[in-house]
Amino acid sequence: MRDILFAILTTLIFSPIFGQEIDYGGVYSYGTSPDSGRVGIIYIHPNSDSTLLFYLELNRGAPSYNTGAIIGQMNIYSPGDADFTMIKESDFVNCSMNFWFTNDSLYIRTNYEADDCGYGYGVYSHGDFKLINPETPEFFIDRSGEKIYFKSLEWTKWWD
């Protein structure tokens, strides 16, 4: 009986890690309208077996409608888990986020006191995103209306 219980527990613990492949690429969002609260969208494009390029755009919602957007490359450190850090002391940027993926969701959490990503007042990265398009995006349209292709993206230049 003890062996059966051990086998069941082992299966339950390790099957989410080893038993499923996570497709990271896609478009995720939360919120419906800035008139009713916070909204966010993130485009994720696999760059290699261990890195993902992303474009994250956020809006605080009414009444200020403050916004923010960043471009970056997150590093996958275990299946379904990735992180991103950008520190630029000269620009007062201390931006560090953890990403947790499931098959239909993405959870972003900022590391303690490290959400100074250059956003407007009251805009922060923390959010629970739902997959709205499972196809890997080839491009995104930034806030200025420019179409930017991931294959030619030099993400570090965005931070200069």
C-alpha atoms as a PDB file:
ATOM      1  CA  MET A   1       0.000   0.000   0.000  1.00  0.00           C
ATOM      2  CA  ARG A   2       2.807   2.369   0.910  1.00  0.00           C
ATOM      3  CA  ASP A   3       4.530   1.689  -2.434  1.00  0.00           C
ATOM      4  CA  ILE A   4       1.327   2.442  -4.345  1.00  0.00           C
ATOM      5  CA  LEU A   5       0.846   5.707  -2.452  1.00  0.00           C
ATOM      6  CA  PHE A   6       4.473   6.661  -3.145  1.00  0.00           C
ATOM      7  CA  ALA A   7       4.030   5.911  -6.866  1.00  0.00           C
ATOM      8  CA  ILE A   8       0.866   8.020  -7.064  1.00  0.00           C
ATOM      9  CA  LEU A   9       2.459  10.964  -5.245  1.00  0.00           C
ATOM     10  CA  THR A  10       5.574  10.798  -7.415  1.00  0.00           C
ATOM     11  CA  THR A  11       3.433  10.807 -10.553  1.00  0.00           C
ATOM     12  CA  LEU A  12       1.388  13.773  -9.352  1.00  0.00           C
ATOM     13  CA  ILE A  13       4.441  15.791  -8.373  1.00  0.00           C
ATOM     14  CA  PHE A  14       6.599  15.178 -11.442  1.00  0.00           C
ATOM     15  CA  SER A  15       4.082  14.819 -14.264  1.00  0.00           C
ATOM     16  CA  PRO A  16       3.582  18.588 -14.679  1.00  0.00           C
ATOM     17  CA  ILE A  17       7.332  18.993 -15.061  1.00  0.00           C
ATOM     18  CA  PHE A  18       8.270  16.030 -17.233  1.00  0.00           C
ATOM     19  CA  GLY A  19       4.941  14.930 -18.686  1.00  0.00           C
ATOM     20  CA  GLN A  20       4.007  17.928 -20.798  1.00  0.00           C
ATOM     21  CA  GLU A  21       5.660  20.195 -23.284  1.00  0.00           C
ATOM     22  CA  ILE A  22       4.909  23.886 -22.903  1.00  0.00           C
ATOM     23  CA  ASP A  23       4.486  25.946 -26.050  1.00  0.00           C
ATOM     24  CA  TYR A  24       5.739  29.340 -24.921  1.00  0.00           C
ATOM     25  CA  GLY A  25       5.047  31.342 -28.053  1.00  0.00           C
ATOM     26  CA  GLY A  26       1.806  33.238 -28.372  1.00  0.00           C
ATOM     27  CA  VAL A  27      -0.072  36.323 -27.306  1.00  0.00           C
ATOM     28  CA  TYR A  28      -1.384  36.644 -23.745  1.00  0.00           C
ATOM     29  CA  SER A  29      -3.521  39.383 -22.207  1.00  0.00           C
ATOM     30  CA  TYR A  30      -5.638  40.423 -19.232  1.00  0.00           C
ATOM     31  CA  GLY A  31      -8.352  43.001 -18.722  1.00  0.00           C
ATOM     32  CA  THR A  32     -11.001  44.103 -21.190  1.00  0.00           C
ATOM     33  CA  SER A  33     -10.730  47.880 -21.434  1.00  0.00           C
ATOM     34  CA  PRO A  34      -8.656  50.606 -19.775  1.00  0.00           C
ATOM     35  CA  ASP A  35     -11.974  52.302 -18.992  1.00  0.00           C
ATOM     36  CA  SER A  36     -12.761  49.498 -16.557  1.00  0.00           C
ATOM     37  CA  GLY A  37      -9.307  48.851 -15.070  1.00  0.00           C
ATOM     38  CA  ARG A  38      -5.812  47.553 -15.734  1.00  0.00           C
ATOM     39  CA  VAL A  39      -5.055  45.922 -19.082  1.00  0.00           C
ATOM     40  CA  GLY A  40      -1.978  44.243 -20.463  1.00  0.00           C
ATOM     41  CA  ILE A  41      -0.773  42.297 -23.460  1.00  0.00           C
ATOM     42  CA  ILE A  42       2.435  40.369 -24.026  1.00  0.00           C
ATOM     43  CA  TYR A  43       3.776  38.903 -27.282  1.00  0.00           C
ATOM     44  CA  ILE A  44       6.184  36.003 -26.772  1.00  0.00           C
ATOM     45  CA  HIS A  45       8.478  34.668 -29.472  1.00  0.00           C
ATOM     46  CA  PRO A  46      10.872  31.752 -28.777  1.00  0.00           C
ATOM     47  CA  ASN A  47      14.406  32.856 -29.622  1.00  0.00           C
ATOM     48  CA  SER A  48      16.284  29.655 -28.736  1.00  0.00           C
ATOM     49  CA  ASP A  49      15.828  26.558 -26.580  1.00  0.00           C
ATOM     50  CA  SER A  50      16.525  28.655 -23.486  1.00  0.00           C
ATOM     51  CA  THR A  51      15.415  32.217 -24.349  1.00  0.00           C
ATOM     52  CA  LEU A  52      12.175  33.972 -25.278  1.00  0.00           C
ATOM     53  CA  LEU A  53      11.822  37.452 -26.775  1.00  0.00           C
ATOM     54  CA  PHE A  54       8.881  39.497 -25.541  1.00  0.00           C
ATOM     55  CA  TYR A  55       7.036  42.774 -25.953  1.00  0.00           C
ATOM     56  CA  LEU A  56       4.962  43.753 -22.909  1.00  0.00           C
ATOM     57  CA  GLU A  57       2.482  46.638 -23.043  1.00  0.00           C
ATOM     58  CA  LEU A  58       0.497  47.770 -20.002  1.00  0.00           C
ATOM     59  CA  ASN A  59      -2.114  50.371 -19.092  1.00  0.00           C
ATOM     60  CA  ARG A  60      -3.113  51.416 -15.574  1.00  0.00           C
ATOM     61  CA  GLY A  61      -6.668  52.205 -16.617  1.00  0.00           C
ATOM     62  CA  ALA A  62      -8.977  55.041 -15.678  1.00  0.00           C
ATOM     63  CA  PRO A  63      -8.759  57.777 -14.675  1.00  0.00           C
ATOM     64  CA  SER A  64      -5.069  58.419 -15.512  1.00  0.00           C
ATOM     65  CA  TYR A  65      -4.572  55.803 -18.271  1.00  0.00           C
ATOM     66  CA  ASN A  66      -0.823  55.770 -17.564  1.00  0.00           C
ATOM     67  CA  THR A  67       1.016  53.285 -19.754  1.00  0.00           C
ATOM     68  CA  GLY A  68       4.252  51.432 -20.135  1.00  0.00           C
ATOM     69  CA  ALA A  69       5.925  49.040 -22.528  1.00  0.00           C
ATOM     70  CA  ILE A  70       9.158  47.089 -22.571  1.00  0.00           C
ATOM     71  CA  ILE A  71      11.019  44.778 -24.902  1.00  0.00           C
ATOM     72  CA  GLY A  72      13.254  42.056 -23.552  1.00  0.00           C
ATOM     73  CA  GLN A  73      14.622  38.549 -23.591  1.00  0.00           C
ATOM     74  CA  MET A  74      13.697  36.192 -20.778  1.00  0.00           C
ATOM     75  CA  ASN A  75      15.761  33.170 -19.848  1.00  0.00           C
ATOM     76  CA  ILE A  76      14.073  29.810 -19.285  1.00  0.00           C
ATOM     77  CA  TYR A  77      15.568  28.224 -16.179  1.00  0.00           C
ATOM     78  CA  SER A  78      13.214  25.249 -15.836  1.00  0.00           C
ATOM     79  CA  PRO A  79      10.165  23.988 -17.770  1.00  0.00           C
ATOM     80  CA  GLY A  80       7.484  26.665 -17.522  1.00  0.00           C
ATOM     81  CA  ASP A  81       9.672  29.086 -15.549  1.00  0.00           C
ATOM     82  CA  ALA A  82      11.619  32.047 -16.912  1.00  0.00           C
ATOM     83  CA  ASP A  83      13.032  35.332 -15.697  1.00  0.00           C
ATOM     84  CA  PHE A  84      14.097  38.727 -16.986  1.00  0.00           C
ATOM     85  CA  THR A  85      16.284  41.352 -15.344  1.00  0.00           C
ATOM     86  CA  MET A  86      17.419  44.746 -16.586  1.00  0.00           C
ATOM     87  CA  ILE A  87      19.344  47.120 -14.343  1.00  0.00           C
ATOM     88  CA  LYS A  88      20.466  50.515 -15.634  1.00  0.00           C
ATOM     89  CA  GLU A  89      21.401  52.677 -12.685  1.00  0.00           C
ATOM     90  CA  SER A  90      21.957  55.755 -14.859  1.00  0.00           C
ATOM     91  CA  ASP A  91      18.286  55.613 -15.951  1.00  0.00           C
ATOM     92  CA  PHE A  92      16.923  54.472 -12.564  1.00  0.00           C
ATOM     93  CA  VAL A  93      15.851  51.153 -14.086  1.00  0.00           C
ATOM     94  CA  ASN A  94      15.689  48.148 -11.784  1.00  0.00           C
ATOM     95  CA  CYS A  95      13.375  45.743 -13.566  1.00  0.00           C
ATOM     96  CA  SER A  96      13.237  42.087 -12.549  1.00  0.00           C
ATOM     97  CA  MET A  97      10.379  39.712 -13.318  1.00  0.00           C
ATOM     98  CA  ASN A  98       9.567  36.025 -13.015  1.00  0.00           C
ATOM     99  CA  PHE A  99       7.340  34.311 -15.577  1.00  0.00           C
ATOM    100  CA  TRP A 100       5.346  31.126 -14.938  1.00  0.00           C
ATOM    101  CA  PHE A 101       3.723  29.444 -17.932  1.00  0.00           C
ATOM    102  CA  THR A 102       0.935  26.900 -18.090  1.00  0.00           C
ATOM    103  CA  ASN A 103      -0.711  25.646 -21.274  1.00  0.00           C
ATOM    104  CA  ASP A 104      -3.193  28.544 -21.329  1.00  0.00           C
ATOM    105  CA  SER A 105      -1.878  31.140 -18.876  1.00  0.00           C
ATOM    106  CA  LEU A 106       1.121  33.246 -17.988  1.00  0.00           C
ATOM    107  CA  TYR A 107       1.750  34.681 -14.541  1.00  0.00           C
ATOM    108  CA  ILE A 108       4.176  37.576 -14.167  1.00  0.00           C
ATOM    109  CA  ARG A 109       5.488  38.542 -10.762  1.00  0.00           C
ATOM    110  CA  THR A 110       8.045  41.223 -10.080  1.00  0.00           C
ATOM    111  CA  ASN A 111      10.871  40.617  -7.702  1.00  0.00           C
ATOM    112  CA  TYR A 112      10.727  42.570  -4.459  1.00  0.00           C
ATOM    113  CA  GLU A 113      11.198  46.313  -5.099  1.00  0.00           C
ATOM    114  CA  ALA A 114      12.379  45.667  -8.668  1.00  0.00           C
ATOM    115  CA  ASP A 115       9.474  46.961 -10.770  1.00  0.00           C
ATOM    116  CA  ASP A 116      11.114  50.186 -11.917  1.00  0.00           C
ATOM    117  CA  CYS A 117      10.853  49.299 -15.599  1.00  0.00           C
ATOM    118  CA  GLY A 118      10.359  52.820 -16.945  1.00  0.00           C
ATOM    119  CA  TYR A 119       6.551  52.687 -16.938  1.00  0.00           C
ATOM    120  CA  GLY A 120       4.225  55.557 -16.130  1.00  0.00           C
ATOM    121  CA  TYR A 121       3.066  56.206 -12.576  1.00  0.00           C
ATOM    122  CA  GLY A 122       1.090  53.319 -11.082  1.00  0.00           C
ATOM    123  CA  VAL A 123       1.868  50.908 -13.927  1.00  0.00           C
ATOM    124  CA  TYR A 124       3.431  47.613 -12.909  1.00  0.00           C
ATOM    125  CA  SER A 125       4.288  44.280 -14.525  1.00  0.00           C
ATOM    126  CA  HIS A 126       2.530  41.992 -12.066  1.00  0.00           C
ATOM    127  CA  GLY A 127      -0.402  40.218 -13.751  1.00  0.00           C
ATOM    128  CA  ASP A 128      -2.262  37.030 -14.610  1.00  0.00           C
ATOM    129  CA  PHE A 129      -2.431  36.726 -18.394  1.00  0.00           C
ATOM    130  CA  LYS A 130      -4.592  34.349 -20.445  1.00  0.00           C
ATOM    131  CA  LEU A 131      -3.497  32.923 -23.792  1.00  0.00           C
ATOM    132  CA  ILE A 132      -5.543  34.656 -26.516  1.00  0.00           C
ATOM    133  CA  ASN A 133      -3.593  33.473 -29.567  1.00  0.00           C
ATOM    134  CA  PRO A 134      -1.457  30.302 -29.432  1.00  0.00           C
ATOM    135  CA  GLU A 135       0.376  31.045 -32.690  1.00  0.00           C
ATOM    136  CA  THR A 136       3.901  32.361 -32.277  1.00  0.00           C
ATOM    137  CA  PRO A 137       3.866  36.016 -33.313  1.00  0.00           C
ATOM    138  CA  GLU A 138       6.323  37.051 -35.997  1.00  0.00           C
ATOM    139  CA  PHE A 139       5.955  40.743 -35.131  1.00  0.00           C
ATOM    140  CA  PHE A 140       4.231  43.203 -32.827  1.00  0.00           C
ATOM    141  CA  ILE A 141       3.053  46.767 -33.309  1.00  0.00           C
ATOM    142  CA  ASP A 142       4.520  49.074 -30.695  1.00  0.00           C
ATOM    143  CA  ARG A 143       2.802  52.073 -29.107  1.00  0.00           C
ATOM    144  CA  SER A 144       4.028  54.407 -31.843  1.00  0.00           C
ATOM    145  CA  GLY A 145       2.393  52.178 -34.484  1.00  0.00           C
ATOM    146  CA  GLU A 146       5.646  50.725 -35.803  1.00  0.00           C
ATOM    147  CA  LYS A 147       5.616  47.074 -36.926  1.00  0.00           C
ATOM    148  CA  ILE A 148       8.632  45.333 -35.382  1.00  0.00           C
ATOM    149  CA  TYR A 149       9.668  41.818 -36.417  1.00  0.00           C
ATOM    150  CA  PHE A 150      11.093  39.545 -33.738  1.00  0.00           C
ATOM    151  CA  LYS A 151      13.601  37.959 -36.167  1.00  0.00           C
ATOM    152  CA  SER A 152      15.378  41.305 -36.579  1.00  0.00           C
ATOM    153  CA  LEU A 153      14.813  42.585 -33.029  1.00  0.00           C
ATOM    154  CA  GLU A 154      17.872  43.857 -31.208  1.00  0.00           C
ATOM    155  CA  TRP A 155      16.188  44.065 -27.838  1.00  0.00           C
ATOM    156  CA  THR A 156      19.136  45.497 -25.896  1.00  0.00           C
ATOM    157  CA  LYS A 157      19.125  48.615 -28.107  1.00  0.00           C
ATOM    158  CA  TRP A 158      15.616  49.383 -26.882  1.00  0.00           C
ATOM    159  CA  TRP A 159      17.082  49.983 -23.407  1.00  0.00           C
ATOM    160  CA  ASP A 160      19.755  52.431 -24.677  1.00  0.00           C
END
